Amino acid sequence: MKLILASASPRRAQLLAEAGYVFETVPADVDESQVPASPPSELAQRLAVAKAQAVADRFPDDVVLAADTIVCLGETVLGKPADADDARRMLNLLSGTTQVVITGVCVIRKAINYQQTHKAMSAVRMEVLTPEQIERYIASGEWQGKAGGYGIQDEDPLVKRISGSHSNVVGLPMELTRYMLATAGISPGKAPSK
């Protein structure tokens, strides 16, 4: 039994590795547009489940971990920007606001019909951004592949304050993830138990 991270996110892999977990990375190939529309608090979980199930079908005897992070401003969901113009639109929208970052986390071991899904939520207060700050950030390319078009771990994260889990805002709430993996028999630093 191995731990499989069903994600192409280098940030999630880094958080897991820093926590001492031994794992393989197998990105989930999921068309997110096919996941039914849901309230933001459910959407991140549905996306995490879809990703975990896609990979668990190929690795039924292993423990599969998947996550999906979305940024919400009210009921408006901001995923990953499609291009620089989309990132610019998102950053203008988020400037000076407090948004909620929601990460759905799913752990599956298909062979024994084991599945658990949870979510973590953090509030993020963003600075009032000048057009120059936004353009500098867009030019850096750091917005690529990041929900809401920004990353808290970036050199200039554009953020004033966080309430809740910092690792959740990065893309994998480690407090919750440790608990879920322990419940599934996975501990950091050693081979998983059977």
Protein backbone atom coordinates (compact mmCIF):
# COMPACT_ATOMS: atom_id res chain seq x y z
CA MET A 1 0.00 0.00 0.00
CA LYS A 2 1.43 3.34 -1.12
CA LEU A 3 0.34 6.93 -0.77
CA ILE A 4 -0.56 8.46 -4.14
CA LEU A 5 -0.95 12.23 -4.51
CA ALA A 6 -3.55 12.77 -7.25
CA SER A 7 -2.28 16.22 -8.20
CA ALA A 8 0.09 17.97 -10.57
CA SER A 9 0.54 20.82 -8.07
CA PRO A 10 4.18 21.32 -7.08
CA ARG A 11 2.95 23.20 -4.01
CA ARG A 12 0.94 20.24 -2.72
CA ALA A 13 3.84 17.88 -3.36
CA GLN A 14 6.20 20.24 -1.51
CA LEU A 15 3.89 20.50 1.52
CA LEU A 16 3.56 16.69 1.72
CA ALA A 17 7.31 16.17 1.32
CA GLU A 18 8.11 18.81 3.96
CA ALA A 19 5.76 17.00 6.34
CA GLY A 20 7.82 13.82 5.83
CA TYR A 21 5.41 11.75 3.72
CA VAL A 22 6.66 9.20 1.20
CA PHE A 23 4.40 9.29 -1.87
CA GLU A 24 4.10 9.02 -5.62
CA THR A 25 2.54 11.75 -7.74
CA VAL A 26 -0.08 10.73 -10.30
CA PRO A 27 -1.96 13.76 -11.68
CA ALA A 28 -5.70 13.27 -12.04
CA ASP A 29 -7.04 13.92 -15.52
CA VAL A 30 -10.44 15.37 -14.66
CA ASP A 31 -12.52 17.76 -16.75
CA GLU A 32 -13.56 20.16 -13.99
CA SER A 33 -16.32 21.60 -16.18
CA GLN A 34 -18.11 18.23 -15.93
CA VAL A 35 -18.43 18.47 -12.12
CA PRO A 36 -21.97 19.64 -11.29
CA ALA A 37 -22.33 23.26 -10.22
CA SER A 38 -22.54 23.56 -6.43
CA PRO A 39 -22.31 26.16 -3.71
CA PRO A 40 -18.62 27.09 -3.23
CA SER A 41 -18.30 25.19 0.05
CA GLU A 42 -19.34 21.95 -1.72
CA LEU A 43 -17.61 22.55 -5.05
CA ALA A 44 -14.05 22.17 -3.75
CA GLN A 45 -15.01 18.85 -2.12
CA ARG A 46 -16.75 17.56 -5.27
CA LEU A 47 -13.69 18.40 -7.35
CA ALA A 48 -11.37 16.68 -4.84
CA VAL A 49 -13.57 13.56 -4.90
CA ALA A 50 -13.61 13.50 -8.72
CA LYS A 51 -9.80 13.71 -8.81
CA ALA A 52 -9.32 11.06 -6.11
CA GLN A 53 -11.77 8.65 -7.78
CA ALA A 54 -10.09 9.06 -11.18
CA VAL A 55 -6.74 7.98 -9.75
CA ALA A 56 -8.13 5.42 -7.28
CA ASP A 57 -9.61 3.49 -10.21
CA ARG A 58 -6.01 2.88 -11.39
CA PHE A 59 -4.55 2.22 -7.91
CA PRO A 60 -7.30 0.44 -5.94
CA ASP A 61 -4.97 -1.05 -3.29
CA ASP A 62 -3.26 2.25 -2.48
CA VAL A 63 -4.31 5.32 -0.51
CA VAL A 64 -5.08 8.19 -2.88
CA LEU A 65 -5.03 11.79 -1.68
CA ALA A 66 -6.58 14.55 -3.80
CA ALA A 67 -7.35 18.20 -3.13
CA ASP A 68 -8.91 21.13 -4.93
CA THR A 69 -8.64 24.76 -3.90
CA ILE A 70 -10.99 27.54 -4.91
CA VAL A 71 -11.13 31.21 -3.98
CA CYS A 72 -14.55 32.73 -3.30
CA LEU A 73 -15.62 36.33 -3.16
CA GLY A 74 -19.16 36.01 -1.87
CA GLU A 75 -20.73 33.38 -4.10
CA THR A 76 -18.33 34.13 -6.97
CA VAL A 77 -15.90 31.24 -7.43
CA LEU A 78 -12.46 32.02 -8.82
CA GLY A 79 -10.52 29.04 -10.08
CA LYS A 80 -7.22 29.12 -11.96
CA PRO A 81 -6.95 31.96 -14.49
CA ALA A 82 -7.16 30.93 -18.14
CA ASP A 83 -4.62 33.55 -19.21
CA ALA A 84 -2.98 36.82 -18.14
CA ASP A 85 -6.13 38.87 -18.86
CA ASP A 86 -8.19 36.53 -16.67
CA ALA A 87 -5.58 36.80 -13.88
CA ARG A 88 -5.66 40.60 -14.17
CA ARG A 89 -9.49 40.55 -13.92
CA MET A 90 -9.32 38.34 -10.80
CA LEU A 91 -6.70 40.48 -9.06
CA ASN A 92 -8.70 43.65 -9.76
CA LEU A 93 -11.79 41.94 -8.34
CA LEU A 94 -9.95 40.74 -5.20
CA SER A 95 -8.04 43.99 -4.53
CA GLY A 96 -8.85 45.35 -1.07
CA THR A 97 -11.30 42.54 -0.25
CA THR A 98 -11.48 39.63 2.12
CA GLN A 99 -12.01 36.39 0.27
CA VAL A 100 -12.46 32.82 1.43
CA VAL A 101 -10.08 30.10 0.31
CA ILE A 102 -11.67 26.64 0.40
CA THR A 103 -9.76 23.42 -0.12
CA GLY A 104 -11.61 20.15 -0.46
CA VAL A 105 -9.54 17.11 0.54
CA CYS A 106 -10.43 13.52 -0.31
CA VAL A 107 -8.71 10.28 0.73
CA ILE A 108 -9.72 7.00 -0.93
CA ARG A 109 -8.61 3.38 -0.67
CA LYS A 110 -10.87 1.75 -3.22
CA ALA A 111 -10.05 -1.91 -2.43
CA ILE A 112 -11.71 -1.62 0.99
CA ASN A 113 -14.35 0.97 0.00
CA TYR A 114 -12.70 3.58 2.21
CA GLN A 115 -13.39 7.24 1.46
CA GLN A 116 -13.42 10.41 3.51
CA THR A 117 -13.87 13.98 2.35
CA HIS A 118 -13.48 17.21 4.28
CA LYS A 119 -12.85 20.88 3.62
CA ALA A 120 -10.77 23.63 5.16
CA MET A 121 -11.62 27.31 4.92
CA SER A 122 -9.40 30.34 5.47
CA ALA A 123 -10.12 34.05 5.16
CA VAL A 124 -7.58 36.13 3.24
CA ARG A 125 -7.46 39.93 3.32
CA MET A 126 -5.78 41.32 0.22
CA GLU A 127 -4.06 44.69 0.00
CA VAL A 128 -5.57 47.42 -2.15
CA LEU A 129 -3.55 46.79 -5.30
CA THR A 130 -2.34 49.53 -7.61
CA PRO A 131 -2.46 48.97 -11.37
CA GLU A 132 1.36 48.89 -11.29
CA GLN A 133 1.40 46.12 -8.65
CA ILE A 134 -1.05 44.08 -10.69
CA GLU A 135 0.95 44.51 -13.90
CA ARG A 136 4.22 43.61 -12.14
CA TYR A 137 2.59 40.48 -10.72
CA ILE A 138 1.12 39.50 -14.10
CA ALA A 139 4.54 39.99 -15.74
CA SER A 140 6.15 37.71 -13.12
CA GLY A 141 3.99 34.78 -14.27
CA GLU A 142 3.45 33.74 -10.64
CA TRP A 143 -0.34 33.81 -11.16
CA GLN A 144 -0.24 30.73 -13.42
CA GLY A 145 -1.97 27.63 -12.07
CA LYS A 146 -3.17 29.35 -8.88
CA ALA A 147 -6.77 29.71 -7.76
CA GLY A 148 -7.70 33.38 -7.66
CA GLY A 149 -4.62 34.25 -9.69
CA TYR A 150 -2.23 34.60 -6.74
CA GLY A 151 -0.18 32.47 -4.37
CA ILE A 152 0.40 33.18 -0.69
CA GLN A 153 3.87 31.63 -1.02
CA ASP A 154 4.96 34.00 -3.80
CA GLU A 155 7.71 36.56 -3.28
CA ASP A 156 5.11 39.37 -3.17
CA PRO A 157 1.91 37.62 -2.08
CA LEU A 158 -0.26 40.79 -2.16
CA VAL A 159 -1.90 39.70 1.10
CA LYS A 160 -2.35 41.70 4.30
CA ARG A 161 -3.67 39.04 6.67
CA ILE A 162 -4.80 35.40 6.88
CA SER A 163 -7.28 33.88 9.28
CA GLY A 164 -7.10 30.10 9.41
CA SER A 165 -4.67 27.59 7.94
CA HIS A 166 -1.76 29.07 5.96
CA SER A 167 -1.13 25.73 4.20
CA ASN A 168 -4.80 25.71 3.13
CA VAL A 169 -4.19 28.95 1.24
CA VAL A 170 -1.12 27.34 -0.39
CA GLY A 171 -3.34 24.44 -1.54
CA LEU A 172 -3.27 21.62 1.02
CA PRO A 173 -4.41 22.15 4.62
CA MET A 174 -1.77 20.07 6.39
CA GLU A 175 -3.47 19.89 9.79
CA LEU A 176 -6.53 18.29 8.17
CA THR A 177 -4.45 16.22 5.74
CA ARG A 178 -2.33 14.70 8.54
CA TYR A 179 -5.49 13.68 10.40
CA MET A 180 -7.12 12.17 7.29
CA LEU A 181 -4.00 10.23 6.29
CA ALA A 182 -3.48 8.92 9.84
CA THR A 183 -7.08 7.67 9.83
CA ALA A 184 -6.30 5.85 6.56
CA GLY A 185 -3.17 4.24 8.06
CA ILE A 186 -0.59 6.57 6.50
CA SER A 187 2.09 8.20 8.67
CA PRO A 188 4.95 10.45 7.65
CA GLY A 189 8.48 9.14 7.44
CA LYS A 190 7.85 5.42 7.04
CA ALA A 191 6.25 2.95 4.71
CA PRO A 192 2.44 2.86 5.10
CA SER A 193 0.86 0.06 7.13
CA LYS A 194 -1.27 -2.60 5.42
